[in-house]
Amino acid sequence: MSLSESRFHDLVDAAQQAVEDIFDDSDLDIDLENSGGVLTVRFDNGSQLIFSRQAPIRQLWLAARSGGFHFDYDEASGRWICDTSDELLGEMLVRLTFEQSGEELEFDEL
């Protein structure tokens, strides 16, 4: 069953808010910008994580230094799952944040 557009936007909003909260609560020197539904995380070394929504195909996209990743929402687990690696969004964020900042953060709720 496909997500409704409003539910999709609610889920992306919740995921982006969780990401913002985790970064806000960390000691990392970062800049967060949420504009037009796109969340950009800028690390002090100039690298970025960019979260964008693709409503027509109901995916959350993540651009990182190491590439671009597309996530589908899995209703059964309540998690965003990468459509190529089956990696959870939270697991990938732990890895990407470490790769781009050298810091380890926990993204357990994602």
C-alpha atoms as a PDB file:
ATOM      1  CA  MET A   1       0.000   0.000   0.000  1.00  0.00           C
ATOM      2  CA  SER A   2       1.293   3.413  -0.964  1.00  0.00           C
ATOM      3  CA  LEU A   3       1.580   6.237   1.551  1.00  0.00           C
ATOM      4  CA  SER A   4      -0.820   9.120   1.162  1.00  0.00           C
ATOM      5  CA  GLU A   5       0.890  12.378   0.272  1.00  0.00           C
ATOM      6  CA  SER A   6       0.006  13.986   3.604  1.00  0.00           C
ATOM      7  CA  ARG A   7       1.287  10.990   5.593  1.00  0.00           C
ATOM      8  CA  PHE A   8       4.470  10.959   3.513  1.00  0.00           C
ATOM      9  CA  HIS A   9       5.109  14.645   4.292  1.00  0.00           C
ATOM     10  CA  ASP A  10       4.370  14.059   7.999  1.00  0.00           C
ATOM     11  CA  LEU A  11       6.863  11.169   8.084  1.00  0.00           C
ATOM     12  CA  VAL A  12       9.578  13.164   6.319  1.00  0.00           C
ATOM     13  CA  ASP A  13       8.947  16.150   8.599  1.00  0.00           C
ATOM     14  CA  ALA A  14       9.286  13.891  11.651  1.00  0.00           C
ATOM     15  CA  ALA A  15      12.494  12.314  10.335  1.00  0.00           C
ATOM     16  CA  GLN A  16      14.021  15.695   9.526  1.00  0.00           C
ATOM     17  CA  GLN A  17      13.031  17.058  12.945  1.00  0.00           C
ATOM     18  CA  ALA A  18      14.631  14.043  14.652  1.00  0.00           C
ATOM     19  CA  VAL A  19      17.833  14.611  12.655  1.00  0.00           C
ATOM     20  CA  GLU A  20      17.830  18.309  13.585  1.00  0.00           C
ATOM     21  CA  ASP A  21      17.287  17.491  17.271  1.00  0.00           C
ATOM     22  CA  ILE A  22      20.137  14.975  17.336  1.00  0.00           C
ATOM     23  CA  PHE A  23      22.554  17.404  15.690  1.00  0.00           C
ATOM     24  CA  ASP A  24      21.339  20.275  17.917  1.00  0.00           C
ATOM     25  CA  ASP A  25      22.002  18.164  21.011  1.00  0.00           C
ATOM     26  CA  SER A  26      25.501  17.201  19.835  1.00  0.00           C
ATOM     27  CA  ASP A  27      28.726  19.117  20.374  1.00  0.00           C
ATOM     28  CA  LEU A  28      29.412  19.245  16.637  1.00  0.00           C
ATOM     29  CA  ASP A  29      30.110  22.607  15.032  1.00  0.00           C
ATOM     30  CA  ILE A  30      27.464  22.469  12.309  1.00  0.00           C
ATOM     31  CA  ASP A  31      25.006  24.680  10.509  1.00  0.00           C
ATOM     32  CA  LEU A  32      21.443  23.420  10.035  1.00  0.00           C
ATOM     33  CA  GLU A  33      19.116  24.890   7.447  1.00  0.00           C
ATOM     34  CA  ASN A  34      15.587  23.700   6.756  1.00  0.00           C
ATOM     35  CA  SER A  35      14.123  25.492   3.777  1.00  0.00           C
ATOM     36  CA  GLY A  36      11.321  24.403   1.483  1.00  0.00           C
ATOM     37  CA  GLY A  37      11.301  20.913   2.970  1.00  0.00           C
ATOM     38  CA  VAL A  38      15.028  20.418   2.334  1.00  0.00           C
ATOM     39  CA  LEU A  39      17.246  19.932   5.384  1.00  0.00           C
ATOM     40  CA  THR A  40      20.917  20.761   4.916  1.00  0.00           C
ATOM     41  CA  VAL A  41      23.527  19.849   7.528  1.00  0.00           C
ATOM     42  CA  ARG A  42      26.838  21.668   6.965  1.00  0.00           C
ATOM     43  CA  PHE A  43      29.860  20.399   8.864  1.00  0.00           C
ATOM     44  CA  ASP A  44      32.742  22.698   9.812  1.00  0.00           C
ATOM     45  CA  ASN A  45      34.949  21.007   7.180  1.00  0.00           C
ATOM     46  CA  GLY A  46      32.586  22.159   4.426  1.00  0.00           C
ATOM     47  CA  SER A  47      30.956  18.785   3.733  1.00  0.00           C
ATOM     48  CA  GLN A  48      27.183  18.461   3.824  1.00  0.00           C
ATOM     49  CA  LEU A  49      24.294  16.071   4.274  1.00  0.00           C
ATOM     50  CA  ILE A  50      21.214  17.105   2.320  1.00  0.00           C
ATOM     51  CA  PHE A  51      17.807  15.556   2.992  1.00  0.00           C
ATOM     52  CA  SER A  52      15.121  16.116   0.378  1.00  0.00           C
ATOM     53  CA  ARG A  53      11.687  14.695  -0.240  1.00  0.00           C
ATOM     54  CA  GLN A  54      10.536  13.177  -3.500  1.00  0.00           C
ATOM     55  CA  ALA A  55       6.772  13.241  -3.025  1.00  0.00           C
ATOM     56  CA  PRO A  56       5.727  11.734  -6.389  1.00  0.00           C
ATOM     57  CA  ILE A  57       7.630   8.522  -5.590  1.00  0.00           C
ATOM     58  CA  ARG A  58       7.276   8.789  -1.784  1.00  0.00           C
ATOM     59  CA  GLN A  59      11.007   8.669  -1.101  1.00  0.00           C
ATOM     60  CA  LEU A  60      13.347  10.506   1.242  1.00  0.00           C
ATOM     61  CA  TRP A  61      16.623  11.271  -0.519  1.00  0.00           C
ATOM     62  CA  LEU A  62      19.947  11.839   1.203  1.00  0.00           C
ATOM     63  CA  ALA A  63      22.963  13.351  -0.521  1.00  0.00           C
ATOM     64  CA  ALA A  64      26.336  12.894   1.146  1.00  0.00           C
ATOM     65  CA  ARG A  65      29.985  13.176   0.199  1.00  0.00           C
ATOM     66  CA  SER A  66      30.003   9.450  -0.595  1.00  0.00           C
ATOM     67  CA  GLY A  67      26.936   9.550  -2.849  1.00  0.00           C
ATOM     68  CA  GLY A  68      23.186   9.778  -3.051  1.00  0.00           C
ATOM     69  CA  PHE A  69      20.794   7.431  -1.261  1.00  0.00           C
ATOM     70  CA  HIS A  70      17.053   6.867  -1.637  1.00  0.00           C
ATOM     71  CA  PHE A  71      14.868   5.674   1.237  1.00  0.00           C
ATOM     72  CA  ASP A  72      11.421   4.095   1.261  1.00  0.00           C
ATOM     73  CA  TYR A  73       9.276   4.131   4.390  1.00  0.00           C
ATOM     74  CA  ASP A  74       8.556   0.664   5.742  1.00  0.00           C
ATOM     75  CA  GLU A  75       5.217   0.681   7.564  1.00  0.00           C
ATOM     76  CA  ALA A  76       5.908  -2.653   9.289  1.00  0.00           C
ATOM     77  CA  SER A  77       9.079  -1.453  11.034  1.00  0.00           C
ATOM     78  CA  GLY A  78       8.252   2.248  11.081  1.00  0.00           C
ATOM     79  CA  ARG A  79      11.666   3.020   9.582  1.00  0.00           C
ATOM     80  CA  TRP A  80      13.166   4.561   6.455  1.00  0.00           C
ATOM     81  CA  ILE A  81      15.123   1.901   4.532  1.00  0.00           C
ATOM     82  CA  CYS A  82      17.622   2.479   1.710  1.00  0.00           C
ATOM     83  CA  ASP A  83      16.247   1.078  -1.540  1.00  0.00           C
ATOM     84  CA  THR A  84      19.627  -0.327  -2.652  1.00  0.00           C
ATOM     85  CA  SER A  85      21.369  -1.486   0.540  1.00  0.00           C
ATOM     86  CA  ASP A  86      18.420  -2.115   2.923  1.00  0.00           C
ATOM     87  CA  GLU A  87      20.366  -0.050   5.476  1.00  0.00           C
ATOM     88  CA  LEU A  88      18.232   1.897   7.943  1.00  0.00           C
ATOM     89  CA  LEU A  89      18.405   5.683   7.720  1.00  0.00           C
ATOM     90  CA  GLY A  90      19.691   5.885  11.294  1.00  0.00           C
ATOM     91  CA  GLU A  91      22.452   3.345  10.658  1.00  0.00           C
ATOM     92  CA  MET A  92      23.562   5.182   7.545  1.00  0.00           C
ATOM     93  CA  LEU A  93      23.555   8.519   9.367  1.00  0.00           C
ATOM     94  CA  VAL A  94      25.864   7.124  12.055  1.00  0.00           C
ATOM     95  CA  ARG A  95      28.304   6.052   9.325  1.00  0.00           C
ATOM     96  CA  LEU A  96      28.017   9.172   7.175  1.00  0.00           C
ATOM     97  CA  THR A  97      28.309  11.562  10.117  1.00  0.00           C
ATOM     98  CA  PHE A  98      31.467   9.751  11.235  1.00  0.00           C
ATOM     99  CA  GLU A  99      32.874   9.760   7.682  1.00  0.00           C
ATOM    100  CA  GLN A 100      32.230  13.475   7.256  1.00  0.00           C
ATOM    101  CA  SER A 101      32.924  14.817  10.751  1.00  0.00           C
ATOM    102  CA  GLY A 102      34.939  12.178  12.605  1.00  0.00           C
ATOM    103  CA  GLU A 103      32.300  12.188  15.353  1.00  0.00           C
ATOM    104  CA  GLU A 104      30.014   9.381  16.401  1.00  0.00           C
ATOM    105  CA  LEU A 105      26.395  10.273  17.021  1.00  0.00           C
ATOM    106  CA  GLU A 106      23.466   7.977  17.774  1.00  0.00           C
ATOM    107  CA  PHE A 107      20.452   8.040  15.479  1.00  0.00           C
ATOM    108  CA  ASP A 108      18.560   5.248  17.236  1.00  0.00           C
ATOM    109  CA  GLU A 109      15.057   6.579  16.630  1.00  0.00           C
ATOM    110  CA  LEU A 110      15.523   6.689  12.859  1.00  0.00           C
END
